[in-house]
Amino acid sequence: MKLSYWEIKTWLSNIDFTVVGSGIVGLNCALQLKERFPKSKILILEKGILPQGASTKNAGFACFGSLSEIIEDLKHHSEGETIELIKKRIKGLRLLRETLGDKDIAYQALGGYELFLKSDNELYNTCLSHQERINKLLYSIFNANVFSFEENRFKFETIKTKVSFNQFEGQIDTGKMMMTLLQKVQKAGVKILNNCTVKGFSDNRDSIKIETDQFEFSTSKLLIATNGFASNLIEEPVKPARAQVLITKPIKNLHIEGTFHLDKGYYYFRNIDNRILLGGGRQLDFKTEETSEFGQTKIIQDKLEDLLKTTILPKTEFEIDQRWSGIMGVGQQKKPIVKQLSENVYCGVRLGGMGVAIGSLVGKELADLLE
């Protein structure tokens, strides 16, 4: 595309910082850069009409890990590493709420619940036996016991009579969060160009030449915040992971409130606007879901509907209103990758499905890499 003199002069000249990706990480990175370098010219490039990936497509859980997820983390990380991961999530959630305000993200501290299928005795007993240990690990952070077991009062079926309860979990409105964040960034004077895909870049020591599907230009510094799509631009151990989601039409007298986890967090659901939003199931077909392509598959969608019918809303009539998917960035380790790649290129990627929790913090840490 041939640009005019005005377009080049106004949008693409003398760029100090170019951020790729207008999700939670990219927007928070731009905000932090503008605070630190108020006179700088900052440009965000976004390949979608709205932020792609998972930032506008997630379930809106303000969580830091269910009991079984934390137990699973301890199998692959030391106690110290696991505690640091949880601290980062809590710090990130606090930063999100401070940056945008609870009202503008519709934050509600309704608590979080983990359900256990009647057939899953091993997982249930493991969580029961490890609860005290996990509470002790987290006590220094919360000065209270995080997890307890309660009776199933939501009329769920095919599950154990008791559920794990996390008193410190909450929920947000993902759309309101991203709208508020976008408005805050634009008000700060940061320019955002949508429908612009970065195809590649070259580091010329004193500047970076960026090639997009629309035009080419130069920038002093490049910051990559594309999470699940990171492998398109950089060679870091980040794999895409698709998460499929559906939502019901409004249900009269819906008695379910809170955030809910099932099967080590592979399934998750919540109430929103008198509806049930339900997602997950990628463990049914890991290979197919290791993709950066949006879409749904019959095996997962059928399982989500079956969970609604048999477990979540067993005696309630419902209709599916919408289905969608988001792309997360995962890897062998859950610790995000925030690093300098070359003299002028930086990245903040691999959020491990915890974008709402750690996205704000990763964005800040990415901006803090610049001197």
Protein backbone atom coordinates (compact mmCIF):
# COMPACT_ATOMS: atom_id res chain seq x y z
CA MET A 1 0.00 0.00 0.00
CA LYS A 2 1.37 3.40 -1.01
CA LEU A 3 1.08 5.85 1.88
CA SER A 4 0.73 9.61 1.60
CA TYR A 5 3.14 12.19 2.95
CA TRP A 6 0.62 13.00 5.71
CA GLU A 7 0.21 9.40 6.77
CA ILE A 8 3.93 8.80 6.98
CA LYS A 9 4.59 12.08 8.78
CA THR A 10 1.78 11.68 11.33
CA TRP A 11 1.81 7.97 12.11
CA LEU A 12 5.10 6.44 10.99
CA SER A 13 7.90 8.98 11.46
CA ASN A 14 10.31 9.28 14.41
CA ILE A 15 8.79 6.32 16.28
CA ASP A 16 10.54 5.69 19.58
CA PHE A 17 8.74 2.51 20.62
CA THR A 18 6.71 0.10 18.52
CA VAL A 19 4.67 -2.50 20.39
CA VAL A 20 3.35 -5.50 18.47
CA GLY A 21 0.05 -6.71 19.94
CA SER A 22 -2.73 -4.65 21.55
CA GLY A 23 -3.68 -7.21 24.18
CA ILE A 24 -3.30 -6.86 27.94
CA VAL A 25 0.51 -7.06 27.78
CA GLY A 26 0.99 -4.70 24.84
CA LEU A 27 -1.37 -2.02 26.15
CA ASN A 28 0.09 -2.11 29.66
CA CYS A 29 3.59 -1.97 28.22
CA ALA A 30 2.68 1.14 26.20
CA LEU A 31 1.10 2.77 29.28
CA GLN A 32 4.23 2.18 31.34
CA LEU A 33 6.50 3.47 28.57
CA LYS A 34 4.40 6.64 28.25
CA GLU A 35 4.66 7.24 32.01
CA ARG A 36 8.43 6.78 31.98
CA PHE A 37 9.06 8.59 28.68
CA PRO A 38 6.18 11.10 28.38
CA LYS A 39 7.60 12.81 25.28
CA SER A 40 8.14 9.56 23.39
CA LYS A 41 6.22 8.59 20.27
CA ILE A 42 4.65 5.16 20.74
CA LEU A 43 2.90 3.06 18.11
CA ILE A 44 0.98 -0.19 18.69
CA LEU A 45 0.39 -2.54 15.76
CA GLU A 46 -2.52 -4.99 15.99
CA LYS A 47 -3.34 -7.56 13.32
CA GLY A 48 -7.03 -7.78 14.24
CA ILE A 49 -9.95 -5.38 14.24
CA LEU A 50 -9.96 -5.96 18.01
CA PRO A 51 -7.11 -7.41 20.05
CA GLN A 52 -6.50 -10.96 18.80
CA GLY A 53 -5.28 -13.90 20.86
CA ALA A 54 -6.99 -14.21 24.22
CA SER A 55 -7.29 -10.72 25.72
CA THR A 56 -10.86 -10.13 24.49
CA LYS A 57 -11.79 -13.82 24.33
CA ASN A 58 -11.01 -15.14 27.82
CA ALA A 59 -13.49 -16.13 30.53
CA GLY A 60 -12.76 -13.17 32.82
CA PHE A 61 -11.41 -15.14 35.79
CA ALA A 62 -9.51 -13.06 38.36
CA CYS A 63 -7.75 -16.15 39.68
CA PHE A 64 -4.28 -17.39 40.59
CA GLY A 65 -4.81 -21.17 40.45
CA SER A 66 -7.21 -23.76 41.83
CA LEU A 67 -6.10 -26.24 44.48
CA SER A 68 -5.43 -29.02 41.96
CA GLU A 69 -3.60 -26.62 39.60
CA ILE A 70 -1.24 -25.55 42.38
CA ILE A 71 -0.64 -29.20 43.35
CA GLU A 72 0.13 -29.91 39.67
CA ASP A 73 2.50 -26.92 39.51
CA LEU A 74 4.43 -28.35 42.46
CA LYS A 75 5.15 -31.47 40.39
CA HIS A 76 7.04 -29.41 37.82
CA HIS A 77 8.35 -26.50 39.91
CA SER A 78 9.99 -26.16 43.30
CA GLU A 79 7.99 -24.75 46.23
CA GLY A 80 9.89 -21.47 45.84
CA GLU A 81 9.16 -21.27 42.11
CA THR A 82 5.49 -22.09 42.67
CA ILE A 83 5.14 -19.42 45.35
CA GLU A 84 6.80 -16.88 43.04
CA LEU A 85 4.36 -17.77 40.25
CA ILE A 86 1.41 -17.23 42.58
CA LYS A 87 2.86 -13.97 43.91
CA LYS A 88 3.22 -12.71 40.34
CA ARG A 89 -0.40 -13.56 39.57
CA ILE A 90 -1.63 -11.81 42.71
CA LYS A 91 0.60 -8.79 42.04
CA GLY A 92 -0.65 -8.68 38.45
CA LEU A 93 -4.30 -8.78 39.50
CA ARG A 94 -3.67 -6.01 42.01
CA LEU A 95 -1.98 -3.90 39.30
CA LEU A 96 -4.89 -4.53 36.92
CA ARG A 97 -7.41 -3.34 39.50
CA GLU A 98 -5.31 -0.32 40.48
CA THR A 99 -4.74 0.70 36.84
CA LEU A 100 -8.35 0.46 35.68
CA GLY A 101 -10.49 0.51 38.84
CA ASP A 102 -12.86 -2.21 40.04
CA LYS A 103 -15.95 -0.46 38.69
CA ASP A 104 -14.65 -0.17 35.14
CA ILE A 105 -13.73 -3.85 34.97
CA ALA A 106 -16.85 -4.99 36.90
CA TYR A 107 -14.70 -6.81 39.45
CA GLN A 108 -16.67 -9.02 41.83
CA ALA A 109 -15.13 -11.02 44.68
CA LEU A 110 -17.58 -13.94 44.49
CA GLY A 111 -15.00 -16.61 45.30
CA GLY A 112 -13.85 -19.58 43.25
CA TYR A 113 -14.88 -23.24 43.39
CA GLU A 114 -13.29 -26.45 42.19
CA LEU A 115 -15.58 -29.37 41.39
CA PHE A 116 -14.58 -33.04 41.37
CA LEU A 117 -16.38 -35.67 39.30
CA LYS A 118 -17.80 -38.59 41.29
CA SER A 119 -15.52 -40.92 39.34
CA ASP A 120 -12.35 -38.92 40.05
CA ASN A 121 -11.49 -40.30 43.51
CA GLU A 122 -7.73 -39.91 43.03
CA LEU A 123 -7.81 -36.17 42.29
CA TYR A 124 -10.38 -35.51 45.02
CA ASN A 125 -8.38 -37.38 47.68
CA THR A 126 -5.14 -35.73 46.55
CA CYS A 127 -6.68 -32.28 46.99
CA LEU A 128 -8.12 -33.21 50.38
CA SER A 129 -4.77 -34.49 51.62
CA HIS A 130 -2.76 -31.55 50.22
CA GLN A 131 -5.08 -28.73 51.26
CA GLU A 132 -3.36 -28.07 54.59
CA ARG A 133 0.09 -28.03 52.96
CA ILE A 134 -1.01 -25.57 50.25
CA ASN A 135 -2.71 -23.32 52.83
CA LYS A 136 0.51 -23.23 54.84
CA LEU A 137 2.49 -22.33 51.70
CA LEU A 138 0.14 -19.45 50.91
CA TYR A 139 -0.44 -18.21 54.45
CA SER A 140 2.46 -15.74 54.28
CA ILE A 141 0.82 -14.09 51.25
CA PHE A 142 -2.78 -13.87 52.47
CA ASN A 143 -2.48 -14.16 56.27
CA ALA A 144 -5.43 -16.53 56.04
CA ASN A 145 -6.27 -20.01 54.79
CA VAL A 146 -7.05 -19.81 51.07
CA PHE A 147 -8.72 -23.16 50.46
CA SER A 148 -11.52 -24.93 52.30
CA PHE A 149 -14.08 -27.60 51.43
CA GLU A 150 -17.79 -26.78 51.31
CA GLU A 151 -21.03 -28.55 50.50
CA ASN A 152 -22.21 -28.44 46.88
CA ARG A 153 -25.00 -25.85 47.21
CA PHE A 154 -25.34 -25.10 43.50
CA LYS A 155 -27.27 -28.29 42.62
CA PHE A 156 -24.48 -29.54 40.37
CA GLU A 157 -24.73 -33.25 39.57
CA THR A 158 -22.25 -36.05 38.78
CA ILE A 159 -19.76 -34.47 41.20
CA LYS A 160 -18.59 -35.11 44.77
CA THR A 161 -20.83 -33.73 47.51
CA LYS A 162 -18.09 -31.32 48.56
CA VAL A 163 -16.28 -28.68 46.50
CA SER A 164 -13.01 -26.83 47.11
CA PHE A 165 -13.57 -23.12 47.82
CA ASN A 166 -11.07 -20.29 47.29
CA GLN A 167 -12.24 -17.17 49.13
CA PHE A 168 -9.81 -14.87 47.26
CA GLU A 169 -10.94 -15.56 43.69
CA GLY A 170 -13.05 -13.12 41.69
CA GLN A 171 -14.39 -12.35 38.24
CA ILE A 172 -14.27 -9.42 35.82
CA ASP A 173 -15.99 -8.32 32.62
CA THR A 174 -13.36 -8.94 29.94
CA GLY A 175 -14.95 -6.57 27.43
CA LYS A 176 -15.12 -3.69 29.93
CA MET A 177 -11.53 -4.35 30.98
CA MET A 178 -10.18 -4.14 27.44
CA MET A 179 -12.36 -1.16 26.48
CA THR A 180 -11.17 0.78 29.54
CA LEU A 181 -7.55 -0.17 28.86
CA LEU A 182 -7.76 0.86 25.21
CA GLN A 183 -9.33 4.21 26.15
CA LYS A 184 -6.65 4.84 28.77
CA VAL A 185 -3.84 4.11 26.30
CA GLN A 186 -5.31 6.31 23.57
CA LYS A 187 -5.94 9.14 26.04
CA ALA A 188 -2.24 8.95 26.94
CA GLY A 189 -1.39 9.75 23.31
CA VAL A 190 -0.39 6.28 22.12
CA LYS A 191 -1.36 5.53 18.51
CA ILE A 192 -2.90 2.16 17.63
CA LEU A 193 -3.12 0.81 14.08
CA ASN A 194 -5.44 -2.17 13.63
CA ASN A 195 -5.63 -4.68 10.77
CA CYS A 196 -1.85 -4.45 10.45
CA THR A 197 0.14 -7.70 10.58
CA VAL A 198 3.87 -7.60 11.25
CA LYS A 199 5.53 -10.03 8.83
CA GLY A 200 9.12 -9.51 9.94
CA PHE A 201 11.80 -7.12 11.13
CA SER A 202 15.53 -6.47 10.83
CA ASP A 203 17.76 -4.99 13.53
CA ASN A 204 20.09 -2.36 12.08
CA ARG A 205 21.77 -1.52 15.41
CA ASP A 206 20.58 2.08 15.60
CA SER A 207 16.99 1.22 14.53
CA ILE A 208 14.63 -1.57 13.59
CA LYS A 209 13.08 -1.87 10.15
CA ILE A 210 9.58 -3.36 10.39
CA GLU A 211 7.78 -5.00 7.48
CA THR A 212 3.98 -5.26 7.73
CA ASP A 213 1.38 -6.48 5.26
CA GLN A 214 0.52 -2.80 4.62
CA PHE A 215 3.80 -0.82 4.68
CA GLU A 216 7.38 -0.66 5.98
CA PHE A 217 8.81 1.79 8.50
CA SER A 218 11.55 2.20 11.10
CA THR A 219 11.43 2.40 14.88
CA SER A 220 14.05 2.91 17.57
CA LYS A 221 12.85 0.04 19.78
CA LEU A 222 10.59 -2.95 19.13
CA LEU A 223 8.58 -4.70 21.86
CA ILE A 224 6.81 -7.95 20.99
CA ALA A 225 3.71 -8.83 23.01
CA THR A 226 1.96 -11.37 20.80
CA ASN A 227 1.88 -14.28 23.30
CA GLY A 228 0.40 -17.30 21.46
CA PHE A 229 1.51 -15.93 18.08
CA ALA A 230 5.09 -15.22 19.24
CA SER A 231 6.65 -17.98 17.11
CA ASN A 232 5.64 -16.06 13.98
CA LEU A 233 8.25 -13.42 14.84
CA ILE A 234 10.76 -14.76 17.37
CA GLU A 235 12.44 -18.03 18.31
CA GLU A 236 11.33 -18.52 21.90
CA PRO A 237 9.77 -21.67 23.44
CA VAL A 238 6.14 -20.58 23.12
CA LYS A 239 3.46 -22.84 21.69
CA PRO A 240 -0.03 -21.69 20.72
CA ALA A 241 -2.90 -23.29 22.64
CA ARG A 242 -6.47 -22.82 21.48
CA ALA A 243 -9.21 -22.51 24.10
CA GLN A 244 -12.80 -23.08 22.96
CA VAL A 245 -15.66 -21.30 24.72
CA LEU A 246 -19.44 -21.19 24.57
CA ILE A 247 -22.11 -19.13 26.33
CA THR A 248 -25.80 -19.81 26.91
CA LYS A 249 -28.71 -17.50 26.33
CA PRO A 250 -30.02 -15.82 29.52
CA ILE A 251 -31.46 -18.29 32.04
CA LYS A 252 -34.31 -17.33 34.38
CA ASN A 253 -33.55 -17.53 38.10
CA LEU A 254 -29.94 -18.61 37.54
CA HIS A 255 -28.68 -19.59 40.99
CA ILE A 256 -25.00 -20.00 40.08
CA GLU A 257 -22.55 -17.26 41.11
CA GLY A 258 -18.76 -17.39 41.09
CA THR A 259 -15.92 -18.87 39.08
CA PHE A 260 -15.72 -22.65 38.77
CA HIS A 261 -12.96 -25.10 37.83
CA LEU A 262 -13.24 -28.77 36.88
CA ASP A 263 -10.68 -31.46 35.95
CA LYS A 264 -7.49 -29.65 37.08
CA GLY A 265 -8.76 -26.41 35.54
CA TYR A 266 -9.09 -27.84 32.03
CA TYR A 267 -12.78 -26.89 32.22
CA TYR A 268 -13.94 -23.59 33.66
CA PHE A 269 -17.26 -21.78 33.87
CA ARG A 270 -18.92 -18.76 35.45
CA ASN A 271 -22.09 -16.70 35.56
CA ILE A 272 -22.35 -13.52 33.49
CA ASP A 273 -25.52 -11.55 32.65
CA ASN A 274 -27.75 -14.47 33.79
CA ARG A 275 -25.87 -16.78 31.44
CA ILE A 276 -23.34 -19.57 31.89
CA LEU A 277 -20.01 -19.12 30.09
CA LEU A 278 -18.12 -22.41 29.77
CA GLY A 279 -14.75 -23.14 28.22
CA GLY A 280 -11.90 -25.61 28.02
CA GLY A 281 -11.49 -29.21 26.96
CA ARG A 282 -8.24 -28.94 25.03
CA GLN A 283 -6.92 -31.97 26.97
CA LEU A 284 -9.34 -34.05 24.86
CA ASP A 285 -7.20 -33.37 21.79
CA PHE A 286 -3.97 -31.56 22.69
CA LYS A 287 -2.42 -31.97 19.22
CA THR A 288 -5.30 -30.37 17.33
CA GLU A 289 -5.60 -27.55 19.88
CA GLU A 290 -1.90 -26.67 19.55
CA THR A 291 -2.80 -24.19 16.83
CA SER A 292 -2.96 -20.47 16.20
CA GLU A 293 -6.08 -20.93 14.06
CA PHE A 294 -9.39 -19.83 15.58
CA GLY A 295 -12.28 -22.27 15.40
CA GLN A 296 -14.27 -25.01 17.12
CA THR A 297 -14.15 -28.80 16.96
CA LYS A 298 -17.01 -31.25 17.43
CA ILE A 299 -15.25 -33.34 20.09
CA ILE A 300 -14.76 -30.37 22.42
CA GLN A 301 -18.03 -28.57 21.73
CA ASP A 302 -19.99 -31.80 22.30
CA LYS A 303 -18.19 -32.33 25.61
CA LEU A 304 -18.89 -28.75 26.75
CA GLU A 305 -22.58 -29.17 25.96
CA ASP A 306 -22.63 -32.52 27.75
CA LEU A 307 -21.13 -30.92 30.87
CA LEU A 308 -23.87 -28.29 30.82
CA LYS A 309 -26.58 -30.96 30.53
CA THR A 310 -25.25 -33.50 33.02
CA THR A 311 -23.29 -31.47 35.59
CA ILE A 312 -23.79 -27.69 35.54
CA LEU A 313 -27.45 -27.24 34.52
CA PRO A 314 -28.88 -30.78 34.86
CA LYS A 315 -32.51 -29.77 35.49
CA THR A 316 -32.53 -26.46 33.63
CA GLU A 317 -33.56 -25.71 30.06
CA PHE A 318 -30.87 -23.76 28.18
CA GLU A 319 -29.85 -22.76 24.68
CA ILE A 320 -26.35 -22.04 23.36
CA ASP A 321 -26.09 -18.44 22.17
CA GLN A 322 -22.50 -18.09 20.97
CA ARG A 323 -19.28 -20.06 20.50
CA TRP A 324 -15.75 -18.73 20.03
CA SER A 325 -12.10 -19.49 20.70
CA GLY A 326 -8.97 -17.71 21.92
CA ILE A 327 -5.28 -18.42 21.44
CA MET A 328 -3.03 -18.67 24.51
CA GLY A 329 0.75 -19.00 24.70
CA VAL A 330 2.10 -21.94 26.70
CA GLY A 331 5.33 -23.86 27.26
CA GLN A 332 7.12 -26.39 29.45
CA GLN A 333 7.47 -23.74 32.16
CA LYS A 334 4.70 -21.47 33.42
CA LYS A 335 7.04 -18.57 34.03
CA PRO A 336 6.48 -15.92 31.33
CA ILE A 337 9.33 -14.94 28.99
CA VAL A 338 10.23 -11.29 29.52
CA LYS A 339 13.63 -10.56 28.02
CA GLN A 340 15.80 -8.48 25.75
CA LEU A 341 16.40 -10.32 22.48
CA SER A 342 18.90 -7.91 20.90
CA GLU A 343 20.07 -4.34 21.33
CA ASN A 344 16.70 -2.91 20.25
CA VAL A 345 14.24 -5.83 20.45
CA TYR A 346 12.38 -7.08 23.54
CA CYS A 347 9.56 -9.54 24.23
CA GLY A 348 6.94 -10.33 26.88
CA VAL A 349 5.22 -13.60 25.95
CA ARG A 350 4.11 -17.08 27.19
CA LEU A 351 1.45 -16.17 29.73
CA GLY A 352 0.42 -19.80 30.22
CA GLY A 353 -3.33 -19.19 30.25
CA MET A 354 -3.03 -16.65 33.07
CA GLY A 355 -3.25 -13.47 30.98
CA VAL A 356 -5.83 -11.71 33.12
CA ALA A 357 -3.76 -12.38 36.23
CA ILE A 358 -0.27 -11.58 34.98
CA GLY A 359 -0.79 -9.57 31.78
CA SER A 360 -0.59 -6.16 33.45
CA LEU A 361 2.57 -7.14 35.33
CA VAL A 362 4.25 -8.68 32.28
CA GLY A 363 3.51 -5.47 30.36
CA LYS A 364 5.13 -3.41 33.10
CA GLU A 365 8.13 -5.74 33.32
CA LEU A 366 8.54 -5.56 29.55
CA ALA A 367 8.59 -1.75 29.63
CA ASP A 368 10.99 -1.80 32.58
CA LEU A 369 13.59 -3.63 30.46
CA LEU A 370 14.28 -0.35 28.67
CA GLU A 371 16.69 2.01 30.34
